[in-house]
Amino acid sequence: LGALGLLVEVLFKQGQLEEVEPLVLRYREAARRESRTRDPETGGLVHVELDSLYYSARLHEAHGRPLEAAEDVRALLALLRENPRDVRDMLSSVESTLSLVFSNLKILSDPALRDKE
């Protein structure tokens, strides 16, 4: 999934939404599949799920679907709350994803969408 994530980032930076959309969907599905197979004792895949939610939110936002983007961000935050040990174990990856979220998603500055829960 690492190479796919890098490709998604490059395509987002180039503004190639048509090309990035199927890759985001593929990344999201692969992350879900892998998260179902992870060992709850060892964890370690939360960062992949976080990345997939970030990519999904970014894609929704780029297509003018702020409510869907907000849902992805809420799911991302819930994942962080539900997996404190994984967050601690993968702190640098989690910090990297959160940095991208706060840098690239305009949804976080819209109080009407941000405060809905």
Foldseek 3Di string as FASTA:
>chain_A
DVVLLVVLVVCVVVVVLVVNVVSLVVLQVVLVVVQVVDDPVVDQSLLSNLSSLLSQLLSCVSVPNLLSSLVSVVVSVVSCVVCVPNCVVPVVSNVVSVVCSVVRHPSCVDCVSNVDD
